[in-house]
C-alpha atoms as a PDB file:
ATOM      1  CA  UNK A   1       0.048   0.058  -0.052  1.00  0.00           C
ATOM      2  CA  UNK A   2       1.468   3.360  -0.940  1.00  0.00           C
ATOM      3  CA  UNK A   3       1.196   5.586   2.233  1.00  0.00           C
ATOM      4  CA  UNK A   4       1.387   9.401   2.838  1.00  0.00           C
ATOM      5  CA  UNK A   5       0.916  11.614   5.632  1.00  0.00           C
ATOM      6  CA  UNK A   6      -0.331  15.247   5.119  1.00  0.00           C
ATOM      7  CA  UNK A   7      -2.568  18.144   5.524  1.00  0.00           C
ATOM      8  CA  UNK A   8      -6.245  18.631   4.629  1.00  0.00           C
ATOM      9  CA  UNK A   9      -7.156  21.716   3.277  1.00  0.00           C
ATOM     10  CA  UNK A  10     -10.233  23.756   4.183  1.00  0.00           C
ATOM     11  CA  UNK A  11     -13.241  24.275   1.544  1.00  0.00           C
ATOM     12  CA  UNK A  12     -12.658  27.696   0.954  1.00  0.00           C
ATOM     13  CA  UNK A  13      -8.858  27.623  -0.001  1.00  0.00           C
ATOM     14  CA  UNK A  14      -9.842  24.575  -1.694  1.00  0.00           C
ATOM     15  CA  UNK A  15     -12.069  26.885  -3.980  1.00  0.00           C
ATOM     16  CA  UNK A  16      -9.888  29.039  -4.521  1.00  0.00           C
ATOM     17  CA  UNK A  17      -6.883  27.201  -5.573  1.00  0.00           C
ATOM     18  CA  UNK A  18      -9.036  25.190  -7.870  1.00  0.00           C
ATOM     19  CA  UNK A  19     -10.589  28.347  -9.464  1.00  0.00           C
ATOM     20  CA  UNK A  20      -6.854  29.556  -9.994  1.00  0.00           C
ATOM     21  CA  UNK A  21      -6.196  26.172 -11.693  1.00  0.00           C
ATOM     22  CA  UNK A  22      -8.821  26.198 -14.203  1.00  0.00           C
ATOM     23  CA  UNK A  23      -7.585  29.716 -15.367  1.00  0.00           C
ATOM     24  CA  UNK A  24      -3.685  29.513 -14.882  1.00  0.00           C
ATOM     25  CA  UNK A  25      -2.975  26.415 -15.522  1.00  0.00           C
ATOM     26  CA  UNK A  26      -2.535  25.341 -19.436  1.00  0.00           C
ATOM     27  CA  UNK A  27      -1.027  23.089 -22.075  1.00  0.00           C
ATOM     28  CA  UNK A  28      -0.109  19.661 -21.562  1.00  0.00           C
ATOM     29  CA  UNK A  29      -0.929  19.058 -17.817  1.00  0.00           C
ATOM     30  CA  UNK A  30      -2.539  16.934 -15.700  1.00  0.00           C
ATOM     31  CA  UNK A  31      -3.936  19.381 -13.116  1.00  0.00           C
ATOM     32  CA  UNK A  32      -4.609  17.837  -9.470  1.00  0.00           C
ATOM     33  CA  UNK A  33      -7.918  17.053  -8.832  1.00  0.00           C
ATOM     34  CA  UNK A  34      -9.595  19.456  -6.043  1.00  0.00           C
ATOM     35  CA  UNK A  35     -10.034  16.359  -3.663  1.00  0.00           C
ATOM     36  CA  UNK A  36      -6.542  15.980  -3.816  1.00  0.00           C
ATOM     37  CA  UNK A  37      -4.565  19.361  -3.196  1.00  0.00           C
ATOM     38  CA  UNK A  38      -2.973  18.285   0.458  1.00  0.00           C
ATOM     39  CA  UNK A  39       0.154  19.646   2.030  1.00  0.00           C
ATOM     40  CA  UNK A  40       2.461  16.562   2.003  1.00  0.00           C
ATOM     41  CA  UNK A  41       4.100  15.610   5.352  1.00  0.00           C
ATOM     42  CA  UNK A  42       5.856  12.500   4.631  1.00  0.00           C
ATOM     43  CA  UNK A  43       5.306  10.246   1.717  1.00  0.00           C
ATOM     44  CA  UNK A  44       6.312   6.549   2.690  1.00  0.00           C
ATOM     45  CA  UNK A  45       5.877   4.754  -0.481  1.00  0.00           C
ATOM     46  CA  UNK A  46       5.270   1.304  -0.583  1.00  0.00           C
ATOM     47  CA  UNK A  47       4.327  -0.426   3.191  1.00  0.00           C
ATOM     48  CA  UNK A  48       2.559  -2.921   4.155  1.00  0.00           C
ATOM     49  CA  UNK A  49      -0.585  -2.411   5.334  1.00  0.00           C
ATOM     50  CA  UNK A  50       0.069  -3.645   9.038  1.00  0.00           C
ATOM     51  CA  UNK A  51       2.310  -0.619   9.362  1.00  0.00           C
ATOM     52  CA  UNK A  52      -0.959   2.063   9.004  1.00  0.00           C
ATOM     53  CA  UNK A  53      -1.883   1.985  12.916  1.00  0.00           C
ATOM     54  CA  UNK A  54       1.740   2.801  13.831  1.00  0.00           C
ATOM     55  CA  UNK A  55       1.913   5.437  11.365  1.00  0.00           C
ATOM     56  CA  UNK A  56      -1.623   7.214  12.020  1.00  0.00           C
ATOM     57  CA  UNK A  57      -0.461   7.625  15.948  1.00  0.00           C
ATOM     58  CA  UNK A  58       2.413   9.334  14.875  1.00  0.00           C
ATOM     59  CA  UNK A  59       0.248  11.905  12.860  1.00  0.00           C
ATOM     60  CA  UNK A  60      -2.144  11.728  15.899  1.00  0.00           C
ATOM     61  CA  UNK A  61       0.395  12.140  18.541  1.00  0.00           C
ATOM     62  CA  UNK A  62       2.111  14.713  16.014  1.00  0.00           C
ATOM     63  CA  UNK A  63      -0.645  17.186  14.963  1.00  0.00           C
ATOM     64  CA  UNK A  64      -1.621  17.055  18.726  1.00  0.00           C
ATOM     65  CA  UNK A  65       1.191  18.399  19.848  1.00  0.00           C
ATOM     66  CA  UNK A  66       1.615  21.094  17.353  1.00  0.00           C
ATOM     67  CA  UNK A  67       0.946  24.818  17.783  1.00  0.00           C
ATOM     68  CA  UNK A  68      -1.400  26.867  15.623  1.00  0.00           C
ATOM     69  CA  UNK A  69      -0.075  27.797  12.596  1.00  0.00           C
ATOM     70  CA  UNK A  70      -1.138  29.554   9.370  1.00  0.00           C
ATOM     71  CA  UNK A  71       0.387  28.733   5.572  1.00  0.00           C
ATOM     72  CA  UNK A  72       0.523  31.264   2.927  1.00  0.00           C
ATOM     73  CA  UNK A  73       1.038  31.445  -1.141  1.00  0.00           C
ATOM     74  CA  UNK A  74       4.458  32.930  -1.628  1.00  0.00           C
ATOM     75  CA  UNK A  75       5.452  31.281  -5.198  1.00  0.00           C
ATOM     76  CA  UNK A  76       5.192  28.839  -8.121  1.00  0.00           C
ATOM     77  CA  UNK A  77       7.482  26.798  -9.144  1.00  0.00           C
ATOM     78  CA  UNK A  78       8.291  23.613 -11.669  1.00  0.00           C
ATOM     79  CA  UNK A  79       9.919  21.206 -11.484  1.00  0.00           C
ATOM     80  CA  UNK A  80      11.167  18.499 -13.817  1.00  0.00           C
ATOM     81  CA  UNK A  81       7.304  16.443 -13.406  1.00  0.00           C
ATOM     82  CA  UNK A  82       5.402  18.754 -11.371  1.00  0.00           C
ATOM     83  CA  UNK A  83       3.980  22.451 -10.985  1.00  0.00           C
ATOM     84  CA  UNK A  84       3.477  23.758  -7.027  1.00  0.00           C
ATOM     85  CA  UNK A  85       2.343  26.471  -4.913  1.00  0.00           C
ATOM     86  CA  UNK A  86       5.192  27.349  -2.204  1.00  0.00           C
ATOM     87  CA  UNK A  87       4.032  27.614   1.142  1.00  0.00           C
ATOM     88  CA  UNK A  88       5.542  30.689   3.454  1.00  0.00           C
ATOM     89  CA  UNK A  89       5.358  29.301   7.230  1.00  0.00           C
ATOM     90  CA  UNK A  90       5.732  32.127   9.081  1.00  0.00           C
ATOM     91  CA  UNK A  91       5.965  31.049  12.265  1.00  0.00           C
ATOM     92  CA  UNK A  92       7.497  28.180  11.636  1.00  0.00           C
ATOM     93  CA  UNK A  93       5.187  25.293  13.184  1.00  0.00           C
ATOM     94  CA  UNK A  94       4.097  23.305  10.203  1.00  0.00           C
ATOM     95  CA  UNK A  95       7.734  22.912   9.656  1.00  0.00           C
ATOM     96  CA  UNK A  96       8.196  21.713  13.140  1.00  0.00           C
ATOM     97  CA  UNK A  97       5.005  19.402  12.794  1.00  0.00           C
ATOM     98  CA  UNK A  98       6.771  17.700   9.804  1.00  0.00           C
ATOM     99  CA  UNK A  99      10.308  17.532  11.698  1.00  0.00           C
ATOM    100  CA  UNK A 100       8.283  15.498  14.496  1.00  0.00           C
ATOM    101  CA  UNK A 101       6.705  13.421  11.989  1.00  0.00           C
ATOM    102  CA  UNK A 102       9.886  12.286   9.900  1.00  0.00           C
ATOM    103  CA  UNK A 103      11.799  12.038  13.239  1.00  0.00           C
ATOM    104  CA  UNK A 104       9.187   9.942  14.279  1.00  0.00           C
ATOM    105  CA  UNK A 105       8.875   7.455  11.422  1.00  0.00           C
ATOM    106  CA  UNK A 106      12.450   7.449  11.385  1.00  0.00           C
ATOM    107  CA  UNK A 107      12.383   6.019  15.212  1.00  0.00           C
ATOM    108  CA  UNK A 108      10.380   3.226  13.901  1.00  0.00           C
ATOM    109  CA  UNK A 109      12.514   2.265  10.939  1.00  0.00           C
ATOM    110  CA  UNK A 110       9.914   3.361   8.508  1.00  0.00           C
ATOM    111  CA  UNK A 111      10.875   6.504   6.734  1.00  0.00           C
ATOM    112  CA  UNK A 112      14.191   7.943   6.150  1.00  0.00           C
ATOM    113  CA  UNK A 113      13.666  11.645   5.458  1.00  0.00           C
ATOM    114  CA  UNK A 114      15.382  13.719   2.615  1.00  0.00           C
ATOM    115  CA  UNK A 115      18.283  15.360   2.801  1.00  0.00           C
ATOM    116  CA  UNK A 116      16.892  18.780   1.363  1.00  0.00           C
ATOM    117  CA  UNK A 117      14.692  20.341   3.953  1.00  0.00           C
ATOM    118  CA  UNK A 118      11.200  20.031   3.884  1.00  0.00           C
ATOM    119  CA  UNK A 119       8.941  22.067   1.596  1.00  0.00           C
ATOM    120  CA  UNK A 120       5.390  23.195   2.554  1.00  0.00           C
ATOM    121  CA  UNK A 121       4.138  23.083  -1.428  1.00  0.00           C
ATOM    122  CA  UNK A 122       0.427  22.260  -2.596  1.00  0.00           C
ATOM    123  CA  UNK A 123       1.179  20.151  -6.263  1.00  0.00           C
ATOM    124  CA  UNK A 124      -1.350  21.129  -8.173  1.00  0.00           C
ATOM    125  CA  UNK A 125      -0.639  19.865 -11.662  1.00  0.00           C
ATOM    126  CA  UNK A 126       1.760  16.925 -13.091  1.00  0.00           C
ATOM    127  CA  UNK A 127       3.235  17.231 -16.626  1.00  0.00           C
ATOM    128  CA  UNK A 128       6.044  14.827 -18.895  1.00  0.00           C
ATOM    129  CA  UNK A 129       7.318  18.047 -20.010  1.00  0.00           C
ATOM    130  CA  UNK A 130       7.975  21.596 -18.115  1.00  0.00           C
ATOM    131  CA  UNK A 131       5.495  23.620 -19.700  1.00  0.00           C
ATOM    132  CA  UNK A 132       7.308  26.982 -17.708  1.00  0.00           C
ATOM    133  CA  UNK A 133       4.430  28.890 -16.620  1.00  0.00           C
ATOM    134  CA  UNK A 134       4.508  32.357 -15.058  1.00  0.00           C
ATOM    135  CA  UNK A 135       1.190  32.791 -13.829  1.00  0.00           C
ATOM    136  CA  UNK A 136      -0.177  35.416 -11.547  1.00  0.00           C
ATOM    137  CA  UNK A 137      -0.280  33.196  -7.834  1.00  0.00           C
ATOM    138  CA  UNK A 138      -3.596  33.304  -5.606  1.00  0.00           C
ATOM    139  CA  UNK A 139      -2.319  35.096  -2.606  1.00  0.00           C
ATOM    140  CA  UNK A 140      -4.070  37.794  -3.807  1.00  0.00           C
ATOM    141  CA  UNK A 141      -7.410  36.238  -3.358  1.00  0.00           C
ATOM    142  CA  UNK A 142      -6.013  33.914  -0.911  1.00  0.00           C
ATOM    143  CA  UNK A 143      -5.801  35.161   2.954  1.00  0.00           C
ATOM    144  CA  UNK A 144      -3.000  33.399   4.978  1.00  0.00           C
ATOM    145  CA  UNK A 145      -5.080  29.570   5.893  1.00  0.00           C
ATOM    146  CA  UNK A 146      -5.096  26.825   8.369  1.00  0.00           C
ATOM    147  CA  UNK A 147      -4.896  23.568   7.191  1.00  0.00           C
ATOM    148  CA  UNK A 148      -8.354  21.976   8.486  1.00  0.00           C
ATOM    149  CA  UNK A 149      -6.336  18.903  10.308  1.00  0.00           C
ATOM    150  CA  UNK A 150      -3.639  16.123   9.259  1.00  0.00           C
ATOM    151  CA  UNK A 151      -4.727  12.872   7.502  1.00  0.00           C
ATOM    152  CA  UNK A 152      -3.158   9.645   6.697  1.00  0.00           C
ATOM    153  CA  UNK A 153      -3.581   8.516   2.812  1.00  0.00           C
ATOM    154  CA  UNK A 154      -3.475   6.005   0.675  1.00  0.00           C
ATOM    155  CA  UNK A 155      -2.453   6.866  -2.830  1.00  0.00           C
ATOM    156  CA  UNK A 156      -3.799   4.394  -5.946  1.00  0.00           C
ATOM    157  CA  UNK A 157      -2.125   4.631  -8.970  1.00  0.00           C
ATOM    158  CA  UNK A 158      -4.566   4.857 -12.182  1.00  0.00           C
ATOM    159  CA  UNK A 159      -3.422   5.561 -15.645  1.00  0.00           C
ATOM    160  CA  UNK A 160      -5.166   8.751 -15.325  1.00  0.00           C
ATOM    161  CA  UNK A 161      -3.255   9.813 -12.003  1.00  0.00           C
ATOM    162  CA  UNK A 162      -3.175   8.885  -8.776  1.00  0.00           C
ATOM    163  CA  UNK A 163      -6.466   8.906  -6.644  1.00  0.00           C
ATOM    164  CA  UNK A 164      -5.972   9.875  -2.769  1.00  0.00           C
ATOM    165  CA  UNK A 165      -8.161   7.834  -0.015  1.00  0.00           C
ATOM    166  CA  UNK A 166      -7.669   9.288   3.450  1.00  0.00           C
ATOM    167  CA  UNK A 167      -7.259   6.548   5.762  1.00  0.00           C
ATOM    168  CA  UNK A 168      -7.641   8.446   9.462  1.00  0.00           C
ATOM    169  CA  UNK A 169      -8.069  11.829   9.396  1.00  0.00           C
ATOM    170  CA  UNK A 170      -7.022  14.236  13.041  1.00  0.00           C
ATOM    171  CA  UNK A 171      -7.668  17.467  13.997  1.00  0.00           C
ATOM    172  CA  UNK A 172      -4.440  19.967  14.363  1.00  0.00           C
ATOM    173  CA  UNK A 173      -4.230  21.358  17.968  1.00  0.00           C
ATOM    174  CA  UNK A 174      -6.002  24.684  17.174  1.00  0.00           C
END
């Protein structure tokens, strides 16, 4: 089973991002569907289903320990295969939350964090060839926002793209 942990987005944020995607993203792109938008805390890849309880426990405990925080869209970026909106974490609390999750998963022996620092972002599209877009940002209509919760997701690969299913969801300690 392909697992990842992430932050869920409030409905009003999903509305703004979805509208922005429709207006700003064009070309040979696979736009990430509204229901799949999230901020990844940790991608675990293929793991045995029996580990879900421990993985969800890490996320639950880390979410409960989190102090209140807001995220703000601060940029657009393309890698070799994805387009993303980068997010500012002014308080640093989202970064601390991700760090707690990474450390606890490493202690369980089921995760190895990347060498680069965690970057809060929303993947908004995928592509085979970089489109080199320069869209305006939705930040002009999107105020700083508080994630609506944290979740353990299952990722199922399909020819039309991945489909994500929330397996367990937890509120943040806000």
